[in-house]
Amino acid sequence: MKKAMKILAEKMMARTHKAVKNYQLELQKKQDMAPAWWNMLYGKYLPDMDEAI
């Protein structure tokens, strides 16, 4: 059980890391973005970020 939980946590962290990386790349591309667009990007790339943290 301990090993299975460790594997699950590693997969979750890898997925979260990938999502954050994609999100940060998009933010760098669009520096002069309105808050509404920023929220749309957040919703697109980080929908379960609050749960992961």
PDB file of N, CA and C in Angstrom:
ATOM      1  N   MET A   1       0.838  -1.199   0.000  1.00  0.00           N
ATOM      2  CA  MET A   1       0.000   0.000   0.000  1.00  0.00           C
ATOM      3  C   MET A   1       0.871   1.247   0.000  1.00  0.00           C
ATOM      4  N   LYS A   2       1.939   1.214   0.770  1.00  0.00           N
ATOM      5  CA  LYS A   2       2.819   2.370   0.853  1.00  0.00           C
ATOM      6  C   LYS A   2       3.456   2.661  -0.509  1.00  0.00           C
ATOM      7  N   LYS A   3       3.853   1.592  -1.201  1.00  0.00           N
ATOM      8  CA  LYS A   3       4.473   1.741  -2.516  1.00  0.00           C
ATOM      9  C   LYS A   3       3.475   2.310  -3.532  1.00  0.00           C
ATOM     10  N   ALA A   4       2.241   1.835  -3.465  1.00  0.00           N
ATOM     11  CA  ALA A   4       1.202   2.324  -4.377  1.00  0.00           C
ATOM     12  C   ALA A   4       0.921   3.805  -4.148  1.00  0.00           C
ATOM     13  N   MET A   5       0.892   4.230  -2.904  1.00  0.00           N
ATOM     14  CA  MET A   5       0.668   5.647  -2.595  1.00  0.00           C
ATOM     15  C   MET A   5       1.826   6.498  -3.091  1.00  0.00           C
ATOM     16  N   LYS A   6       3.042   5.987  -2.966  1.00  0.00           N
ATOM     17  CA  LYS A   6       4.212   6.721  -3.442  1.00  0.00           C
ATOM     18  C   LYS A   6       4.157   6.888  -4.954  1.00  0.00           C
ATOM     19  N   ILE A   7       3.787   5.840  -5.674  1.00  0.00           N
ATOM     20  CA  ILE A   7       3.682   5.912  -7.136  1.00  0.00           C
ATOM     21  C   ILE A   7       2.594   6.899  -7.535  1.00  0.00           C
ATOM     22  N   LEU A   8       1.469   6.852  -6.850  1.00  0.00           N
ATOM     23  CA  LEU A   8       0.372   7.782  -7.139  1.00  0.00           C
ATOM     24  C   LEU A   8       0.807   9.226  -6.903  1.00  0.00           C
ATOM     25  N   ALA A   9       1.507   9.470  -5.802  1.00  0.00           N
ATOM     26  CA  ALA A   9       1.969  10.823  -5.498  1.00  0.00           C
ATOM     27  C   ALA A   9       2.971  11.311  -6.548  1.00  0.00           C
ATOM     28  N   GLU A  10       3.853  10.430  -6.993  1.00  0.00           N
ATOM     29  CA  GLU A  10       4.829  10.819  -8.018  1.00  0.00           C
ATOM     30  C   GLU A  10       4.146  11.158  -9.330  1.00  0.00           C
ATOM     31  N   LYS A  11       3.134  10.381  -9.713  1.00  0.00           N
ATOM     32  CA  LYS A  11       2.386  10.662 -10.937  1.00  0.00           C
ATOM     33  C   LYS A  11       1.655  11.989 -10.832  1.00  0.00           C
ATOM     34  N   MET A  12       1.044  12.244  -9.670  1.00  0.00           N
ATOM     35  CA  MET A  12       0.316  13.490  -9.468  1.00  0.00           C
ATOM     36  C   MET A  12       1.261  14.691  -9.536  1.00  0.00           C
ATOM     37  N   MET A  13       2.428  14.568  -8.916  1.00  0.00           N
ATOM     38  CA  MET A  13       3.399  15.659  -8.936  1.00  0.00           C
ATOM     39  C   MET A  13       3.921  15.907 -10.349  1.00  0.00           C
ATOM     40  N   ALA A  14       4.152  14.853 -11.112  1.00  0.00           N
ATOM     41  CA  ALA A  14       4.625  15.003 -12.491  1.00  0.00           C
ATOM     42  C   ALA A  14       3.571  15.710 -13.336  1.00  0.00           C
ATOM     43  N   ARG A  15       2.315  15.315 -13.166  1.00  0.00           N
ATOM     44  CA  ARG A  15       1.231  15.948 -13.926  1.00  0.00           C
ATOM     45  C   ARG A  15       1.081  17.417 -13.542  1.00  0.00           C
ATOM     46  N   THR A  16       1.172  17.701 -12.258  1.00  0.00           N
ATOM     47  CA  THR A  16       1.064  19.073 -11.772  1.00  0.00           C
ATOM     48  C   THR A  16       2.218  19.921 -12.270  1.00  0.00           C
ATOM     49  N   HIS A  17       3.419  19.371 -12.231  1.00  0.00           N
ATOM     50  CA  HIS A  17       4.601  20.097 -12.703  1.00  0.00           C
ATOM     51  C   HIS A  17       4.468  20.441 -14.181  1.00  0.00           C
ATOM     52  N   LYS A  18       3.981  19.505 -14.972  1.00  0.00           N
ATOM     53  CA  LYS A  18       3.795  19.733 -16.403  1.00  0.00           C
ATOM     54  C   LYS A  18       2.755  20.833 -16.647  1.00  0.00           C
ATOM     55  N   ALA A  19       1.656  20.799 -15.907  1.00  0.00           N
ATOM     56  CA  ALA A  19       0.607  21.805 -16.070  1.00  0.00           C
ATOM     57  C   ALA A  19       1.119  23.186 -15.702  1.00  0.00           C
ATOM     58  N   VAL A  20       1.873  23.291 -14.613  1.00  0.00           N
ATOM     59  CA  VAL A  20       2.410  24.587 -14.188  1.00  0.00           C
ATOM     60  C   VAL A  20       3.414  25.104 -15.217  1.00  0.00           C
ATOM     61  N   LYS A  21       4.224  24.228 -15.743  1.00  0.00           N
ATOM     62  CA  LYS A  21       5.209  24.630 -16.752  1.00  0.00           C
ATOM     63  C   LYS A  21       4.518  25.189 -17.997  1.00  0.00           C
ATOM     64  N   ASN A  22       3.480  24.502 -18.483  1.00  0.00           N
ATOM     65  CA  ASN A  22       2.723  24.979 -19.643  1.00  0.00           C
ATOM     66  C   ASN A  22       2.057  26.321 -19.351  1.00  0.00           C
ATOM     67  N   TYR A  23       1.511  26.455 -18.160  1.00  0.00           N
ATOM     68  CA  TYR A  23       0.844  27.688 -17.746  1.00  0.00           C
ATOM     69  C   TYR A  23       1.831  28.851 -17.721  1.00  0.00           C
ATOM     70  N   GLN A  24       3.016  28.626 -17.158  1.00  0.00           N
ATOM     71  CA  GLN A  24       4.011  29.687 -17.085  1.00  0.00           C
ATOM     72  C   GLN A  24       4.514  30.079 -18.464  1.00  0.00           C
ATOM     73  N   LEU A  25       4.649  29.114 -19.378  1.00  0.00           N
ATOM     74  CA  LEU A  25       5.061  29.436 -20.746  1.00  0.00           C
ATOM     75  C   LEU A  25       4.028  30.315 -21.439  1.00  0.00           C
ATOM     76  N   GLU A  26       2.748  30.004 -21.241  1.00  0.00           N
ATOM     77  CA  GLU A  26       1.691  30.822 -21.839  1.00  0.00           C
ATOM     78  C   GLU A  26       1.686  32.232 -21.248  1.00  0.00           C
ATOM     79  N   LEU A  27       1.911  32.344 -19.941  1.00  0.00           N
ATOM     80  CA  LEU A  27       1.945  33.669 -19.318  1.00  0.00           C
ATOM     81  C   LEU A  27       3.100  34.498 -19.858  1.00  0.00           C
ATOM     82  N   GLN A  28       4.238  33.873 -20.115  1.00  0.00           N
ATOM     83  CA  GLN A  28       5.382  34.599 -20.657  1.00  0.00           C
ATOM     84  C   GLN A  28       5.099  35.103 -22.065  1.00  0.00           C
ATOM     85  N   LYS A  29       4.345  34.347 -22.837  1.00  0.00           N
ATOM     86  CA  LYS A  29       4.008  34.753 -24.202  1.00  0.00           C
ATOM     87  C   LYS A  29       3.079  35.965 -24.202  1.00  0.00           C
ATOM     88  N   LYS A  30       2.206  36.051 -23.213  1.00  0.00           N
ATOM     89  CA  LYS A  30       1.161  37.085 -23.186  1.00  0.00           C
ATOM     90  C   LYS A  30       1.347  37.971 -21.959  1.00  0.00           C
ATOM     91  N   GLN A  31       2.273  38.883 -22.016  1.00  0.00           N
ATOM     92  CA  GLN A  31       2.586  39.734 -20.870  1.00  0.00           C
ATOM     93  C   GLN A  31       1.498  40.787 -20.599  1.00  0.00           C
ATOM     94  N   ASP A  32       0.941  41.370 -21.636  1.00  0.00           N
ATOM     95  CA  ASP A  32      -0.042  42.454 -21.466  1.00  0.00           C
ATOM     96  C   ASP A  32      -1.471  41.896 -21.527  1.00  0.00           C
ATOM     97  N   MET A  33      -1.752  40.972 -20.668  1.00  0.00           N
ATOM     98  CA  MET A  33      -3.025  40.271 -20.674  1.00  0.00           C
ATOM     99  C   MET A  33      -3.983  40.881 -19.655  1.00  0.00           C
ATOM    100  N   ALA A  34      -5.240  40.968 -20.034  1.00  0.00           N
ATOM    101  CA  ALA A  34      -6.275  41.447 -19.116  1.00  0.00           C
ATOM    102  C   ALA A  34      -6.540  40.370 -18.060  1.00  0.00           C
ATOM    103  N   PRO A  35      -7.038  40.778 -16.888  1.00  0.00           N
ATOM    104  CA  PRO A  35      -7.312  39.787 -15.823  1.00  0.00           C
ATOM    105  C   PRO A  35      -8.267  38.670 -16.254  1.00  0.00           C
ATOM    106  N   ALA A  36      -9.215  38.989 -17.125  1.00  0.00           N
ATOM    107  CA  ALA A  36     -10.147  37.950 -17.584  1.00  0.00           C
ATOM    108  C   ALA A  36      -9.417  36.867 -18.365  1.00  0.00           C
ATOM    109  N   TRP A  37      -8.481  37.272 -19.213  1.00  0.00           N
ATOM    110  CA  TRP A  37      -7.693  36.291 -19.981  1.00  0.00           C
ATOM    111  C   TRP A  37      -6.795  35.488 -19.052  1.00  0.00           C
ATOM    112  N   TRP A  38      -6.266  36.130 -18.029  1.00  0.00           N
ATOM    113  CA  TRP A  38      -5.416  35.436 -17.064  1.00  0.00           C
ATOM    114  C   TRP A  38      -6.220  34.338 -16.372  1.00  0.00           C
ATOM    115  N   ASN A  39      -7.452  34.664 -15.996  1.00  0.00           N
ATOM    116  CA  ASN A  39      -8.315  33.672 -15.352  1.00  0.00           C
ATOM    117  C   ASN A  39      -8.667  32.528 -16.301  1.00  0.00           C
ATOM    118  N   MET A  40      -8.836  32.828 -17.576  1.00  0.00           N
ATOM    119  CA  MET A  40      -9.130  31.782 -18.553  1.00  0.00           C
ATOM    120  C   MET A  40      -7.935  30.838 -18.690  1.00  0.00           C
ATOM    121  N   LEU A  41      -6.719  31.383 -18.698  1.00  0.00           N
ATOM    122  CA  LEU A  41      -5.530  30.540 -18.768  1.00  0.00           C
ATOM    123  C   LEU A  41      -5.433  29.667 -17.527  1.00  0.00           C
ATOM    124  N   TYR A  42      -5.727  30.245 -16.381  1.00  0.00           N
ATOM    125  CA  TYR A  42      -5.681  29.487 -15.133  1.00  0.00           C
ATOM    126  C   TYR A  42      -6.658  28.314 -15.206  1.00  0.00           C
ATOM    127  N   GLY A  43      -7.841  28.574 -15.692  1.00  0.00           N
ATOM    128  CA  GLY A  43      -8.847  27.524 -15.812  1.00  0.00           C
ATOM    129  C   GLY A  43      -8.483  26.459 -16.829  1.00  0.00           C
ATOM    130  N   LYS A  44      -7.750  26.862 -17.871  1.00  0.00           N
ATOM    131  CA  LYS A  44      -7.368  25.916 -18.914  1.00  0.00           C
ATOM    132  C   LYS A  44      -6.243  24.993 -18.455  1.00  0.00           C
ATOM    133  N   TYR A  45      -5.216  25.554 -17.822  1.00  0.00           N
ATOM    134  CA  TYR A  45      -4.031  24.775 -17.495  1.00  0.00           C
ATOM    135  C   TYR A  45      -4.007  24.233 -16.074  1.00  0.00           C
ATOM    136  N   LEU A  46      -4.678  24.888 -15.153  1.00  0.00           N
ATOM    137  CA  LEU A  46      -4.576  24.486 -13.754  1.00  0.00           C
ATOM    138  C   LEU A  46      -5.935  24.242 -13.108  1.00  0.00           C
ATOM    139  N   PRO A  47      -6.769  23.426 -13.714  1.00  0.00           N
ATOM    140  CA  PRO A  47      -8.112  23.244 -13.138  1.00  0.00           C
ATOM    141  C   PRO A  47      -8.125  22.538 -11.787  1.00  0.00           C
ATOM    142  N   ASP A  48      -7.169  21.645 -11.549  1.00  0.00           N
ATOM    143  CA  ASP A  48      -7.156  20.914 -10.286  1.00  0.00           C
ATOM    144  C   ASP A  48      -5.937  21.276  -9.450  1.00  0.00           C
ATOM    145  N   MET A  49      -5.374  22.455  -9.679  1.00  0.00           N
ATOM    146  CA  MET A  49      -4.173  22.844  -8.956  1.00  0.00           C
ATOM    147  C   MET A  49      -4.451  23.004  -7.456  1.00  0.00           C
ATOM    148  N   ASP A  50      -5.573  23.574  -7.123  1.00  0.00           N
ATOM    149  CA  ASP A  50      -5.901  23.766  -5.698  1.00  0.00           C
ATOM    150  C   ASP A  50      -6.014  22.420  -4.980  1.00  0.00           C
ATOM    151  N   GLU A  51      -6.553  21.424  -5.665  1.00  0.00           N
ATOM    152  CA  GLU A  51      -6.668  20.100  -5.071  1.00  0.00           C
ATOM    153  C   GLU A  51      -5.298  19.435  -4.932  1.00  0.00           C
ATOM    154  N   ALA A  52      -4.427  19.667  -5.909  1.00  0.00           N
ATOM    155  CA  ALA A  52      -3.101  19.050  -5.886  1.00  0.00           C
ATOM    156  C   ALA A  52      -2.242  19.629  -4.767  1.00  0.00           C
ATOM    157  N   ILE A  53      -2.415  20.913  -4.512  1.00  0.00           N
ATOM    158  CA  ILE A  53      -1.614  21.561  -3.462  1.00  0.00           C
ATOM    159  C   ILE A  53      -2.193  21.169  -2.130  1.00  0.00           C
TER     160      ILE A  53
END
